C-alpha atoms as a PDB file:
ATOM      1  CA  UNK A   1     -59.558-104.337-138.532  1.00  0.00           C
ATOM      2  CA  UNK A   2     -56.292-105.392-136.881  1.00  0.00           C
ATOM      3  CA  UNK A   3     -53.147-103.866-138.299  1.00  0.00           C
ATOM      4  CA  UNK A   4     -50.422-106.391-139.045  1.00  0.00           C
ATOM      5  CA  UNK A   5     -47.427-105.211-137.072  1.00  0.00           C
ATOM      6  CA  UNK A   6     -44.309-106.672-135.581  1.00  0.00           C
ATOM      7  CA  UNK A   7     -44.056-106.074-131.859  1.00  0.00           C
ATOM      8  CA  UNK A   8     -40.987-104.334-130.555  1.00  0.00           C
ATOM      9  CA  UNK A   9     -38.650-106.582-128.644  1.00  0.00           C
ATOM     10  CA  UNK A  10     -38.868-106.162-124.843  1.00  0.00           C
ATOM     11  CA  UNK A  11     -35.461-104.468-124.584  1.00  0.00           C
ATOM     12  CA  UNK A  12     -36.179-101.899-127.305  1.00  0.00           C
ATOM     13  CA  UNK A  13     -38.034 -98.760-126.265  1.00  0.00           C
ATOM     14  CA  UNK A  14     -40.556 -97.347-128.677  1.00  0.00           C
ATOM     15  CA  UNK A  15     -39.713 -94.075-130.363  1.00  0.00           C
ATOM     16  CA  UNK A  16     -42.089 -91.379-129.128  1.00  0.00           C
ATOM     17  CA  UNK A  17     -43.020 -88.667-131.614  1.00  0.00           C
ATOM     18  CA  UNK A  18     -45.049 -85.797-130.193  1.00  0.00           C
ATOM     19  CA  UNK A  19     -47.183 -83.830-132.607  1.00  0.00           C
ATOM     20  CA  UNK A  20     -47.147 -80.087-131.998  1.00  0.00           C
ATOM     21  CA  UNK A  21     -50.355 -78.244-131.068  1.00  0.00           C
ATOM     22  CA  UNK A  22     -50.370 -76.680-134.557  1.00  0.00           C
ATOM     23  CA  UNK A  23     -49.135 -79.327-136.976  1.00  0.00           C
ATOM     24  CA  UNK A  24     -49.122 -77.798-140.468  1.00  0.00           C
ATOM     25  CA  UNK A  25     -47.202 -77.851-143.719  1.00  0.00           C
ATOM     26  CA  UNK A  26     -44.897 -75.196-142.266  1.00  0.00           C
ATOM     27  CA  UNK A  27     -43.344 -77.898-140.051  1.00  0.00           C
ATOM     28  CA  UNK A  28     -43.819 -80.914-142.314  1.00  0.00           C
ATOM     29  CA  UNK A  29     -40.112 -81.431-143.024  1.00  0.00           C
ATOM     30  CA  UNK A  30     -39.349 -81.796-139.319  1.00  0.00           C
ATOM     31  CA  UNK A  31     -42.228 -84.220-138.773  1.00  0.00           C
ATOM     32  CA  UNK A  32     -41.244 -86.207-141.873  1.00  0.00           C
ATOM     33  CA  UNK A  33     -37.683 -86.593-140.583  1.00  0.00           C
ATOM     34  CA  UNK A  34     -38.931 -87.710-137.155  1.00  0.00           C
ATOM     35  CA  UNK A  35     -41.304 -90.259-138.694  1.00  0.00           C
ATOM     36  CA  UNK A  36     -38.566 -91.689-140.921  1.00  0.00           C
ATOM     37  CA  UNK A  37     -36.195 -91.967-137.964  1.00  0.00           C
ATOM     38  CA  UNK A  38     -38.918 -93.810-136.056  1.00  0.00           C
ATOM     39  CA  UNK A  39     -39.341 -96.285-138.894  1.00  0.00           C
ATOM     40  CA  UNK A  40     -35.603 -96.773-139.227  1.00  0.00           C
ATOM     41  CA  UNK A  41     -35.265 -97.518-135.506  1.00  0.00           C
ATOM     42  CA  UNK A  42     -37.578-100.523-135.990  1.00  0.00           C
ATOM     43  CA  UNK A  43     -38.424-100.513-132.288  1.00  0.00           C
ATOM     44  CA  UNK A  44     -41.954 -99.271-132.784  1.00  0.00           C
ATOM     45  CA  UNK A  45     -43.372 -95.768-132.761  1.00  0.00           C
ATOM     46  CA  UNK A  46     -45.776 -94.107-130.347  1.00  0.00           C
ATOM     47  CA  UNK A  47     -47.490 -91.015-131.759  1.00  0.00           C
ATOM     48  CA  UNK A  48     -48.448 -88.586-129.009  1.00  0.00           C
ATOM     49  CA  UNK A  49     -51.198 -86.278-130.241  1.00  0.00           C
ATOM     50  CA  UNK A  50     -53.077 -85.170-127.129  1.00  0.00           C
ATOM     51  CA  UNK A  51     -52.163 -81.491-127.556  1.00  0.00           C
ATOM     52  CA  UNK A  52     -52.932 -81.286-131.300  1.00  0.00           C
ATOM     53  CA  UNK A  53     -55.504 -78.534-131.937  1.00  0.00           C
ATOM     54  CA  UNK A  54     -54.802 -77.656-135.584  1.00  0.00           C
ATOM     55  CA  UNK A  55     -53.840 -80.046-138.359  1.00  0.00           C
ATOM     56  CA  UNK A  56     -53.847 -79.551-142.124  1.00  0.00           C
ATOM     57  CA  UNK A  57     -54.355 -82.019-144.941  1.00  0.00           C
ATOM     58  CA  UNK A  58     -50.641 -82.098-145.800  1.00  0.00           C
ATOM     59  CA  UNK A  59     -49.911 -83.417-142.320  1.00  0.00           C
ATOM     60  CA  UNK A  60     -52.750 -85.930-142.512  1.00  0.00           C
ATOM     61  CA  UNK A  61     -51.416 -87.150-145.871  1.00  0.00           C
ATOM     62  CA  UNK A  62     -47.942 -87.551-144.365  1.00  0.00           C
ATOM     63  CA  UNK A  63     -49.360 -89.495-141.420  1.00  0.00           C
ATOM     64  CA  UNK A  64     -51.282 -91.765-143.821  1.00  0.00           C
ATOM     65  CA  UNK A  65     -48.130 -92.448-145.844  1.00  0.00           C
ATOM     66  CA  UNK A  66     -46.254 -93.129-142.607  1.00  0.00           C
ATOM     67  CA  UNK A  67     -48.881 -95.619-141.419  1.00  0.00           C
ATOM     68  CA  UNK A  68     -48.845 -97.455-144.749  1.00  0.00           C
ATOM     69  CA  UNK A  69     -45.036 -97.593-144.739  1.00  0.00           C
ATOM     70  CA  UNK A  70     -44.996 -98.826-141.150  1.00  0.00           C
ATOM     71  CA  UNK A  71     -47.224-101.733-142.147  1.00  0.00           C
ATOM     72  CA  UNK A  72     -44.939-102.594-145.058  1.00  0.00           C
ATOM     73  CA  UNK A  73     -41.896-102.535-142.786  1.00  0.00           C
ATOM     74  CA  UNK A  74     -43.786-104.348-140.016  1.00  0.00           C
ATOM     75  CA  UNK A  75     -43.030-101.602-137.503  1.00  0.00           C
ATOM     76  CA  UNK A  76     -45.521-101.312-134.661  1.00  0.00           C
ATOM     77  CA  UNK A  77     -47.268 -97.933-134.381  1.00  0.00           C
ATOM     78  CA  UNK A  78     -49.620 -96.863-131.637  1.00  0.00           C
ATOM     79  CA  UNK A  79     -51.421 -93.656-130.781  1.00  0.00           C
ATOM     80  CA  UNK A  80     -51.055 -92.077-127.369  1.00  0.00           C
ATOM     81  CA  UNK A  81     -54.247 -90.105-126.725  1.00  0.00           C
ATOM     82  CA  UNK A  82     -55.139 -88.709-130.160  1.00  0.00           C
ATOM     83  CA  UNK A  83     -56.846 -85.325-129.818  1.00  0.00           C
ATOM     84  CA  UNK A  84     -60.467 -84.742-130.738  1.00  0.00           C
ATOM     85  CA  UNK A  85     -59.208 -82.467-133.531  1.00  0.00           C
ATOM     86  CA  UNK A  86     -57.234 -85.312-135.079  1.00  0.00           C
ATOM     87  CA  UNK A  87     -60.088 -87.779-134.674  1.00  0.00           C
ATOM     88  CA  UNK A  88     -62.581 -85.404-136.279  1.00  0.00           C
ATOM     89  CA  UNK A  89     -60.255 -84.398-139.121  1.00  0.00           C
ATOM     90  CA  UNK A  90     -59.433 -88.015-139.944  1.00  0.00           C
ATOM     91  CA  UNK A  91     -63.108 -88.906-139.910  1.00  0.00           C
ATOM     92  CA  UNK A  92     -64.075 -86.003-142.153  1.00  0.00           C
ATOM     93  CA  UNK A  93     -61.308 -86.888-144.615  1.00  0.00           C
ATOM     94  CA  UNK A  94     -62.215 -90.578-144.521  1.00  0.00           C
ATOM     95  CA  UNK A  95     -58.828 -91.767-143.306  1.00  0.00           C
ATOM     96  CA  UNK A  96     -59.587 -92.959-139.779  1.00  0.00           C
ATOM     97  CA  UNK A  97     -59.010 -96.574-140.776  1.00  0.00           C
ATOM     98  CA  UNK A  98     -55.716 -95.837-142.535  1.00  0.00           C
ATOM     99  CA  UNK A  99     -54.538 -93.953-139.456  1.00  0.00           C
ATOM    100  CA  UNK A 100     -55.880 -96.664-137.132  1.00  0.00           C
ATOM    101  CA  UNK A 101     -57.937 -94.045-135.299  1.00  0.00           C
ATOM    102  CA  UNK A 102     -61.327 -95.695-135.451  1.00  0.00           C
ATOM    103  CA  UNK A 103     -63.435 -94.927-132.417  1.00  0.00           C
ATOM    104  CA  UNK A 104     -67.206 -94.976-131.982  1.00  0.00           C
ATOM    105  CA  UNK A 105     -68.786 -91.956-133.681  1.00  0.00           C
ATOM    106  CA  UNK A 106     -70.503 -90.894-130.478  1.00  0.00           C
ATOM    107  CA  UNK A 107     -67.104 -90.161-128.957  1.00  0.00           C
ATOM    108  CA  UNK A 108     -66.453 -87.355-131.425  1.00  0.00           C
ATOM    109  CA  UNK A 109     -70.036 -86.188-131.734  1.00  0.00           C
ATOM    110  CA  UNK A 110     -70.811 -87.395-135.252  1.00  0.00           C
ATOM    111  CA  UNK A 111     -73.661 -89.617-136.328  1.00  0.00           C
ATOM    112  CA  UNK A 112     -72.579 -92.942-137.871  1.00  0.00           C
END
């Protein structure tokens, strides 16, 4: 399902937010502030999650709220190499679609 977004203008660089290897509630305030700043910039946000190896449900909930808000504000969001941990966690929690992380189940080793 395509996500309705507004593309960043060519002369505006996307805001890059890099998730830490261990992204948990302990650091949620920092991530929340970064996500809000990305939305306020309105230039689009790229979420870099290649190094993420541990993520808790509080972080996943924050990311879901961020994705929903980005759609309301028509701010483009894209993932830069989401980790297998994030893909699996989102799938197990049933939020892959909300997070726009849908990939074939064979990629993460789960049956459809």
